[in-house]
C-alpha atoms as a PDB file:
ATOM      1  CA  MET A   1      -0.004  -0.014   0.015  1.00  0.00           C
ATOM      2  CA  ASN A   2       2.815   2.418   0.864  1.00  0.00           C
ATOM      3  CA  GLN A   3       4.491   1.597  -2.418  1.00  0.00           C
ATOM      4  CA  LEU A   4       1.312   2.322  -4.272  1.00  0.00           C
ATOM      5  CA  LYS A   5       0.980   5.721  -2.544  1.00  0.00           C
ATOM      6  CA  SER A   6       4.561   6.596  -3.415  1.00  0.00           C
ATOM      7  CA  PHE A   7       3.950   5.644  -6.998  1.00  0.00           C
ATOM      8  CA  LYS A   8       0.831   7.814  -7.186  1.00  0.00           C
ATOM      9  CA  LYS A   9       2.700  10.978  -6.445  1.00  0.00           C
ATOM     10  CA  TYR A  10       4.757  10.647  -9.558  1.00  0.00           C
ATOM     11  CA  ILE A  11       1.702  10.376 -11.757  1.00  0.00           C
ATOM     12  CA  PRO A  12       1.122  13.764 -13.631  1.00  0.00           C
ATOM     13  CA  SER A  13      -2.121  15.539 -12.506  1.00  0.00           C
ATOM     14  CA  SER A  14      -3.264  15.674 -16.179  1.00  0.00           C
ATOM     15  CA  LEU A  15      -2.978  11.818 -16.409  1.00  0.00           C
ATOM     16  CA  LYS A  16      -4.776  11.366 -13.059  1.00  0.00           C
ATOM     17  CA  ARG A  17      -7.643  13.563 -14.333  1.00  0.00           C
ATOM     18  CA  GLU A  18      -7.737  11.565 -17.654  1.00  0.00           C
ATOM     19  CA  LEU A  19      -7.895   8.274 -15.802  1.00  0.00           C
ATOM     20  CA  LYS A  20     -10.638   9.545 -13.518  1.00  0.00           C
ATOM     21  CA  ASN A  21     -12.572  10.813 -16.504  1.00  0.00           C
ATOM     22  CA  ASP A  22     -12.266   7.384 -18.174  1.00  0.00           C
ATOM     23  CA  PHE A  23     -13.501   5.653 -15.112  1.00  0.00           C
ATOM     24  CA  ASN A  24     -16.420   8.029 -14.724  1.00  0.00           C
ATOM     25  CA  SER A  25     -17.245   7.506 -18.431  1.00  0.00           C
ATOM     26  CA  LEU A  26     -17.658   3.831 -17.738  1.00  0.00           C
ATOM     27  CA  ARG A  27     -19.899   4.596 -14.762  1.00  0.00           C
ATOM     28  CA  ALA A  28     -22.028   6.987 -16.800  1.00  0.00           C
ATOM     29  CA  PHE A  29     -22.161   4.892 -19.967  1.00  0.00           C
ATOM     30  CA  GLY A  30     -25.673   4.373 -21.224  1.00  0.00           C
ATOM     31  CA  LYS A  31     -27.278   6.443 -18.517  1.00  0.00           C
ATOM     32  CA  GLN A  32     -29.533   9.371 -19.280  1.00  0.00           C
ATOM     33  CA  LYS A  33     -27.981  12.925 -19.144  1.00  0.00           C
ATOM     34  CA  ILE A  34     -29.728  15.696 -17.208  1.00  0.00           C
ATOM     35  CA  PHE A  35     -28.711  19.313 -17.863  1.00  0.00           C
ATOM     36  CA  CYS A  36     -29.508  22.228 -15.554  1.00  0.00           C
ATOM     37  CA  ILE A  37     -29.627  25.185 -17.994  1.00  0.00           C
ATOM     38  CA  GLY A  38     -30.820  27.898 -15.678  1.00  0.00           C
ATOM     39  CA  LEU A  39     -28.622  30.920 -15.076  1.00  0.00           C
ATOM     40  CA  ASN A  40     -26.264  31.219 -12.098  1.00  0.00           C
ATOM     41  CA  LYS A  41     -28.112  32.433  -9.002  1.00  0.00           C
ATOM     42  CA  THR A  42     -31.310  30.535  -9.835  1.00  0.00           C
ATOM     43  CA  GLY A  43     -30.837  27.645  -7.347  1.00  0.00           C
ATOM     44  CA  THR A  44     -28.301  25.569  -9.447  1.00  0.00           C
ATOM     45  CA  THR A  45     -26.211  24.781  -6.472  1.00  0.00           C
ATOM     46  CA  SER A  46     -29.202  23.480  -4.559  1.00  0.00           C
ATOM     47  CA  LEU A  47     -30.227  21.425  -7.553  1.00  0.00           C
ATOM     48  CA  LYS A  48     -26.762  19.994  -7.850  1.00  0.00           C
ATOM     49  CA  LYS A  49     -26.708  18.928  -4.189  1.00  0.00           C
ATOM     50  CA  GLU A  50     -30.058  17.197  -4.571  1.00  0.00           C
ATOM     51  CA  MET A  51     -28.996  15.346  -7.663  1.00  0.00           C
ATOM     52  CA  ALA A  52     -25.926  14.076  -5.805  1.00  0.00           C
ATOM     53  CA  HIS A  53     -28.168  13.051  -2.948  1.00  0.00           C
ATOM     54  CA  GLN A  54     -30.253  11.132  -5.453  1.00  0.00           C
ATOM     55  CA  GLY A  55     -27.214   9.250  -6.572  1.00  0.00           C
ATOM     56  CA  TYR A  56     -26.448  10.923  -9.889  1.00  0.00           C
ATOM     57  CA  LEU A  57     -22.801  11.228 -11.056  1.00  0.00           C
ATOM     58  CA  ILE A  58     -22.086  14.924 -11.091  1.00  0.00           C
ATOM     59  CA  GLY A  59     -19.942  16.554 -13.725  1.00  0.00           C
ATOM     60  CA  ASN A  60     -16.703  18.261 -12.512  1.00  0.00           C
ATOM     61  CA  GLN A  61     -17.698  21.972 -12.812  1.00  0.00           C
ATOM     62  CA  ARG A  62     -14.119  23.270 -13.062  1.00  0.00           C
ATOM     63  CA  GLN A  63     -13.418  21.075 -16.104  1.00  0.00           C
ATOM     64  CA  SER A  64     -16.452  22.401 -17.909  1.00  0.00           C
ATOM     65  CA  GLU A  65     -15.585  25.999 -16.967  1.00  0.00           C
ATOM     66  CA  LEU A  66     -12.165  25.583 -18.498  1.00  0.00           C
ATOM     67  CA  LEU A  67     -13.897  25.024 -21.920  1.00  0.00           C
ATOM     68  CA  PHE A  68     -14.981  28.694 -21.887  1.00  0.00           C
ATOM     69  CA  ASP A  69     -12.822  29.605 -24.853  1.00  0.00           C
ATOM     70  CA  ASP A  70     -14.394  26.757 -26.823  1.00  0.00           C
ATOM     71  CA  TRP A  71     -17.777  28.110 -26.060  1.00  0.00           C
ATOM     72  CA  VAL A  72     -16.818  31.561 -27.280  1.00  0.00           C
ATOM     73  CA  LYS A  73     -15.908  30.013 -30.651  1.00  0.00           C
ATOM     74  CA  ARG A  74     -19.099  27.875 -30.496  1.00  0.00           C
ATOM     75  CA  ASP A  75     -16.890  24.733 -30.666  1.00  0.00           C
ATOM     76  CA  PHE A  76     -18.631  22.047 -28.588  1.00  0.00           C
ATOM     77  CA  SER A  77     -16.585  19.100 -29.562  1.00  0.00           C
ATOM     78  CA  ARG A  78     -14.552  18.891 -26.276  1.00  0.00           C
ATOM     79  CA  LEU A  79     -17.666  19.623 -24.250  1.00  0.00           C
ATOM     80  CA  ILE A  80     -19.450  16.644 -25.770  1.00  0.00           C
ATOM     81  CA  LYS A  81     -16.532  14.502 -24.846  1.00  0.00           C
ATOM     82  CA  TYR A  82     -16.590  15.863 -21.308  1.00  0.00           C
ATOM     83  CA  CYS A  83     -20.321  15.179 -20.978  1.00  0.00           C
ATOM     84  CA  ARG A  84     -19.589  11.442 -21.269  1.00  0.00           C
ATOM     85  CA  THR A  85     -17.920  11.567 -17.881  1.00  0.00           C
ATOM     86  CA  ALA A  86     -21.096  12.141 -15.798  1.00  0.00           C
ATOM     87  CA  GLN A  87     -24.892  12.244 -15.700  1.00  0.00           C
ATOM     88  CA  PHE A  88     -25.739  15.681 -14.389  1.00  0.00           C
ATOM     89  CA  PHE A  89     -24.267  19.069 -15.372  1.00  0.00           C
ATOM     90  CA  GLN A  90     -24.953  22.683 -14.380  1.00  0.00           C
ATOM     91  CA  ASP A  91     -23.550  26.219 -14.490  1.00  0.00           C
ATOM     92  CA  ALA A  92     -20.936  27.297 -17.057  1.00  0.00           C
ATOM     93  CA  PRO A  93     -21.083  26.693 -19.902  1.00  0.00           C
ATOM     94  CA  PHE A  94     -24.384  24.850 -19.656  1.00  0.00           C
ATOM     95  CA  SER A  95     -26.060  28.061 -18.502  1.00  0.00           C
ATOM     96  CA  TYR A  96     -24.782  29.963 -21.544  1.00  0.00           C
ATOM     97  CA  PRO A  97     -26.766  30.472 -24.742  1.00  0.00           C
ATOM     98  CA  TYR A  98     -26.405  27.789 -27.479  1.00  0.00           C
ATOM     99  CA  THR A  99     -24.902  25.007 -25.157  1.00  0.00           C
ATOM    100  CA  TYR A 100     -28.224  23.420 -24.533  1.00  0.00           C
ATOM    101  CA  ILE A 101     -28.880  23.177 -28.214  1.00  0.00           C
ATOM    102  CA  ALA A 102     -25.489  21.479 -28.899  1.00  0.00           C
ATOM    103  CA  VAL A 103     -25.883  18.873 -26.137  1.00  0.00           C
ATOM    104  CA  ASP A 104     -29.552  18.247 -27.021  1.00  0.00           C
ATOM    105  CA  GLN A 105     -28.539  17.449 -30.589  1.00  0.00           C
ATOM    106  CA  TYR A 106     -25.941  14.991 -29.464  1.00  0.00           C
ATOM    107  CA  PHE A 107     -27.533  13.329 -26.387  1.00  0.00           C
ATOM    108  CA  LYS A 108     -30.988  12.692 -27.807  1.00  0.00           C
ATOM    109  CA  ASP A 109     -32.732  11.216 -24.748  1.00  0.00           C
ATOM    110  CA  SER A 110     -31.522  13.920 -22.276  1.00  0.00           C
ATOM    111  CA  LYS A 111     -33.709  15.861 -19.842  1.00  0.00           C
ATOM    112  CA  PHE A 112     -33.292  19.627 -19.229  1.00  0.00           C
ATOM    113  CA  ILE A 113     -34.132  21.729 -16.139  1.00  0.00           C
ATOM    114  CA  LEU A 114     -34.507  25.474 -16.408  1.00  0.00           C
ATOM    115  CA  THR A 115     -34.178  26.905 -12.997  1.00  0.00           C
ATOM    116  CA  ILE A 116     -35.730  30.378 -12.541  1.00  0.00           C
ATOM    117  CA  ARG A 117     -36.317  33.096  -9.835  1.00  0.00           C
ATOM    118  CA  ASP A 118     -39.594  34.859  -9.059  1.00  0.00           C
ATOM    119  CA  ASP A 119     -38.641  37.559 -11.629  1.00  0.00           C
ATOM    120  CA  ALA A 120     -35.685  39.127 -13.392  1.00  0.00           C
ATOM    121  CA  GLU A 121     -35.248  41.744 -10.776  1.00  0.00           C
ATOM    122  CA  GLU A 122     -34.902  39.215  -7.985  1.00  0.00           C
ATOM    123  CA  TRP A 123     -32.322  37.412 -10.032  1.00  0.00           C
ATOM    124  CA  TYR A 124     -30.434  40.633 -10.764  1.00  0.00           C
ATOM    125  CA  ASN A 125     -30.277  41.716  -7.098  1.00  0.00           C
ATOM    126  CA  SER A 126     -29.037  38.220  -6.089  1.00  0.00           C
ATOM    127  CA  LEU A 127     -26.303  38.403  -8.731  1.00  0.00           C
ATOM    128  CA  ILE A 128     -25.216  41.838  -7.562  1.00  0.00           C
ATOM    129  CA  ARG A 129     -25.033  40.731  -3.931  1.00  0.00           C
ATOM    130  CA  PHE A 130     -22.963  37.641  -4.893  1.00  0.00           C
ATOM    131  CA  HIS A 131     -20.504  39.404  -7.081  1.00  0.00           C
ATOM    132  CA  SER A 132     -20.105  42.208  -4.593  1.00  0.00           C
ATOM    133  CA  LYS A 133     -19.264  39.648  -1.916  1.00  0.00           C
ATOM    134  CA  MET A 134     -16.932  37.583  -4.135  1.00  0.00           C
ATOM    135  CA  TRP A 135     -15.018  40.285  -5.936  1.00  0.00           C
ATOM    136  CA  GLY A 136     -16.198  43.712  -4.828  1.00  0.00           C
ATOM    137  CA  ASP A 137     -16.016  45.533  -1.521  1.00  0.00           C
ATOM    138  CA  GLY A 138     -19.031  43.607  -0.067  1.00  0.00           C
ATOM    139  CA  LYS A 139     -21.362  46.527  -0.712  1.00  0.00           C
ATOM    140  CA  LYS A 140     -20.861  47.421  -4.355  1.00  0.00           C
ATOM    141  CA  PRO A 141     -20.292  45.269  -7.470  1.00  0.00           C
ATOM    142  CA  PRO A 142     -16.705  44.827  -8.551  1.00  0.00           C
ATOM    143  CA  THR A 143     -15.115  47.162 -11.162  1.00  0.00           C
ATOM    144  CA  ALA A 144     -13.678  45.950 -14.430  1.00  0.00           C
ATOM    145  CA  GLU A 145     -10.229  46.077 -12.712  1.00  0.00           C
ATOM    146  CA  ASP A 146     -11.464  43.991  -9.814  1.00  0.00           C
ATOM    147  CA  LEU A 147     -12.794  41.369 -12.283  1.00  0.00           C
ATOM    148  CA  LYS A 148      -9.569  41.320 -14.315  1.00  0.00           C
ATOM    149  CA  LYS A 149      -7.540  40.498 -11.221  1.00  0.00           C
ATOM    150  CA  ALA A 150     -10.044  37.982  -9.855  1.00  0.00           C
ATOM    151  CA  ASN A 151      -8.646  34.457  -9.675  1.00  0.00           C
ATOM    152  CA  TYR A 152     -11.576  32.205 -10.355  1.00  0.00           C
ATOM    153  CA  VAL A 153     -10.976  29.327 -12.841  1.00  0.00           C
ATOM    154  CA  TYR A 154      -8.062  31.427 -13.985  1.00  0.00           C
ATOM    155  CA  VAL A 155      -7.010  35.107 -13.430  1.00  0.00           C
ATOM    156  CA  GLY A 156      -9.497  37.329 -15.299  1.00  0.00           C
ATOM    157  CA  PHE A 157     -12.100  34.654 -16.057  1.00  0.00           C
ATOM    158  CA  PRO A 158     -14.896  36.660 -14.222  1.00  0.00           C
ATOM    159  CA  TYR A 159     -14.188  39.614 -16.502  1.00  0.00           C
ATOM    160  CA  HIS A 160     -13.965  37.711 -19.728  1.00  0.00           C
ATOM    161  CA  SER A 161     -17.076  35.658 -19.054  1.00  0.00           C
ATOM    162  CA  ARG A 162     -19.146  38.755 -18.373  1.00  0.00           C
ATOM    163  CA  ILE A 163     -17.973  40.429 -21.573  1.00  0.00           C
ATOM    164  CA  HIS A 164     -18.543  37.421 -23.771  1.00  0.00           C
ATOM    165  CA  VAL A 165     -21.735  36.038 -22.263  1.00  0.00           C
ATOM    166  CA  ASN A 166     -23.744  38.850 -20.899  1.00  0.00           C
ATOM    167  CA  ASN A 167     -23.601  41.439 -23.765  1.00  0.00           C
ATOM    168  CA  VAL A 168     -22.103  44.110 -21.506  1.00  0.00           C
ATOM    169  CA  THR A 169     -19.023  46.270 -21.969  1.00  0.00           C
ATOM    170  CA  GLU A 170     -16.287  47.373 -19.603  1.00  0.00           C
ATOM    171  CA  ASP A 171     -18.129  50.570 -18.831  1.00  0.00           C
ATOM    172  CA  ASN A 172     -21.487  48.855 -17.977  1.00  0.00           C
ATOM    173  CA  LEU A 173     -20.611  45.454 -16.503  1.00  0.00           C
ATOM    174  CA  TYR A 174     -23.647  45.498 -14.218  1.00  0.00           C
ATOM    175  CA  ASP A 175     -26.131  47.540 -16.183  1.00  0.00           C
ATOM    176  CA  LYS A 176     -29.583  46.485 -14.857  1.00  0.00           C
ATOM    177  CA  ASP A 177     -31.428  46.912 -18.072  1.00  0.00           C
ATOM    178  CA  ILE A 178     -29.002  44.826 -20.021  1.00  0.00           C
ATOM    179  CA  LEU A 179     -28.780  41.998 -17.433  1.00  0.00           C
ATOM    180  CA  VAL A 180     -32.560  41.884 -16.919  1.00  0.00           C
ATOM    181  CA  ASP A 181     -33.005  41.626 -20.597  1.00  0.00           C
ATOM    182  CA  TYR A 182     -30.392  38.850 -20.665  1.00  0.00           C
ATOM    183  CA  TYR A 183     -32.230  36.910 -17.971  1.00  0.00           C
ATOM    184  CA  ASN A 184     -35.669  37.216 -19.684  1.00  0.00           C
ATOM    185  CA  THR A 185     -34.189  36.462 -23.179  1.00  0.00           C
ATOM    186  CA  HIS A 186     -32.391  33.321 -21.968  1.00  0.00           C
ATOM    187  CA  ASN A 187     -35.519  31.963 -20.348  1.00  0.00           C
ATOM    188  CA  LYS A 188     -37.714  32.796 -23.352  1.00  0.00           C
ATOM    189  CA  ASN A 189     -35.295  31.199 -25.810  1.00  0.00           C
ATOM    190  CA  VAL A 190     -35.065  27.972 -23.841  1.00  0.00           C
ATOM    191  CA  LYS A 191     -38.836  27.675 -23.478  1.00  0.00           C
ATOM    192  CA  ASP A 192     -39.255  28.410 -27.194  1.00  0.00           C
ATOM    193  CA  TYR A 193     -36.708  25.810 -28.247  1.00  0.00           C
ATOM    194  CA  PHE A 194     -38.519  23.085 -26.249  1.00  0.00           C
ATOM    195  CA  ARG A 195     -42.056  24.393 -26.904  1.00  0.00           C
ATOM    196  CA  HIS A 196     -43.117  21.182 -28.670  1.00  0.00           C
ATOM    197  CA  ARG A 197     -41.316  18.844 -26.272  1.00  0.00           C
ATOM    198  CA  PRO A 198     -42.920  19.336 -22.786  1.00  0.00           C
ATOM    199  CA  ASN A 199     -41.603  16.145 -21.441  1.00  0.00           C
ATOM    200  CA  ASP A 200     -37.979  17.082 -22.037  1.00  0.00           C
ATOM    201  CA  LEU A 201     -37.976  20.412 -20.180  1.00  0.00           C
ATOM    202  CA  LEU A 202     -38.889  21.233 -16.577  1.00  0.00           C
ATOM    203  CA  VAL A 203     -39.181  24.937 -15.681  1.00  0.00           C
ATOM    204  CA  ILE A 204     -38.809  25.251 -11.924  1.00  0.00           C
ATOM    205  CA  ASN A 205     -38.549  27.760  -9.201  1.00  0.00           C
ATOM    206  CA  LEU A 206     -36.990  25.970  -6.264  1.00  0.00           C
ATOM    207  CA  LYS A 207     -38.817  28.314  -3.755  1.00  0.00           C
ATOM    208  CA  GLU A 208     -42.249  27.177  -4.814  1.00  0.00           C
ATOM    209  CA  LYS A 209     -43.965  24.634  -2.602  1.00  0.00           C
ATOM    210  CA  ASP A 210     -44.572  22.022  -5.208  1.00  0.00           C
ATOM    211  CA  SER A 211     -41.147  22.336  -6.927  1.00  0.00           C
ATOM    212  CA  TYR A 212     -39.655  19.247  -5.314  1.00  0.00           C
ATOM    213  CA  SER A 213     -42.550  16.954  -6.148  1.00  0.00           C
ATOM    214  CA  ARG A 214     -42.564  18.263  -9.727  1.00  0.00           C
ATOM    215  CA  PHE A 215     -38.860  17.671  -9.935  1.00  0.00           C
ATOM    216  CA  CYS A 216     -39.319  14.093  -8.812  1.00  0.00           C
ATOM    217  CA  ASP A 217     -42.215  13.466 -11.146  1.00  0.00           C
ATOM    218  CA  PHE A 218     -40.184  14.803 -14.064  1.00  0.00           C
ATOM    219  CA  LEU A 219     -37.225  12.469 -13.507  1.00  0.00           C
ATOM    220  CA  LYS A 220     -39.456   9.647 -12.197  1.00  0.00           C
ATOM    221  CA  ILE A 221     -37.425   9.302  -8.950  1.00  0.00           C
ATOM    222  CA  GLU A 222     -38.466   8.796  -5.347  1.00  0.00           C
ATOM    223  CA  GLN A 223     -39.587  11.853  -3.402  1.00  0.00           C
ATOM    224  CA  LYS A 224     -37.260  11.770  -0.373  1.00  0.00           C
ATOM    225  CA  LYS A 225     -38.310  15.135   1.128  1.00  0.00           C
ATOM    226  CA  ASP A 226     -40.821  17.930   0.789  1.00  0.00           C
ATOM    227  CA  PHE A 227     -38.548  20.731  -0.478  1.00  0.00           C
ATOM    228  CA  PHE A 228     -35.188  21.575  -1.827  1.00  0.00           C
ATOM    229  CA  PRO A 229     -32.204  22.583   0.307  1.00  0.00           C
ATOM    230  CA  TRP A 230     -31.243  26.216  -0.171  1.00  0.00           C
ATOM    231  CA  GLU A 231     -27.526  26.349  -0.904  1.00  0.00           C
ATOM    232  CA  ASN A 232     -25.257  29.345  -1.676  1.00  0.00           C
ATOM    233  CA  LYS A 233     -27.976  31.811  -0.627  1.00  0.00           C
ATOM    234  CA  THR A 234     -27.614  35.524  -1.654  1.00  0.00           C
END
């Protein structure tokens, strides 16, 4: 056993990650994919926790976030390969436009969950509070310089993702009108895409009383509680 531990420390981290992905691909082979395509700050962390509790193999979020540059170019080839390593996926880049279309075309029997808030303003306020806490001064949202220095995924990722995803510029990173429109447009586009496939999309507000039972009915799984946990609250 000690010899095995000594050997493991000489294995490159990239090879360890590749071996783990191969192992997870075997575990996930033939199993249905479920994609949460709601925007960040709509309960995605709570949903992820519940999916893990239900026994689903959860995708490594950091690995998918590192495919951001591919998303910018609308190249989903590596993302499709990554999706073979698990059953459930959420947040970047699955919360971005176009991704749900790409994975839907490849994984034909998948299910999609669009998490939402009460309204766009509630989502916007939650986003502002979260970013203020993460990269600002705790009271005001971060500046462009704050985001360029922020070390999440890699240094500057918070800045680049906002510029490329949210249709903002350096001078209006947190413009309310732009972001509210982005929230509403995303939800509208998702609903429109699945409008003739009601069995493939669940639109859910985790705060609503019947949300957990609807979630269980959608995935045909056992209802183990009466409501969702509330994680990463802002």
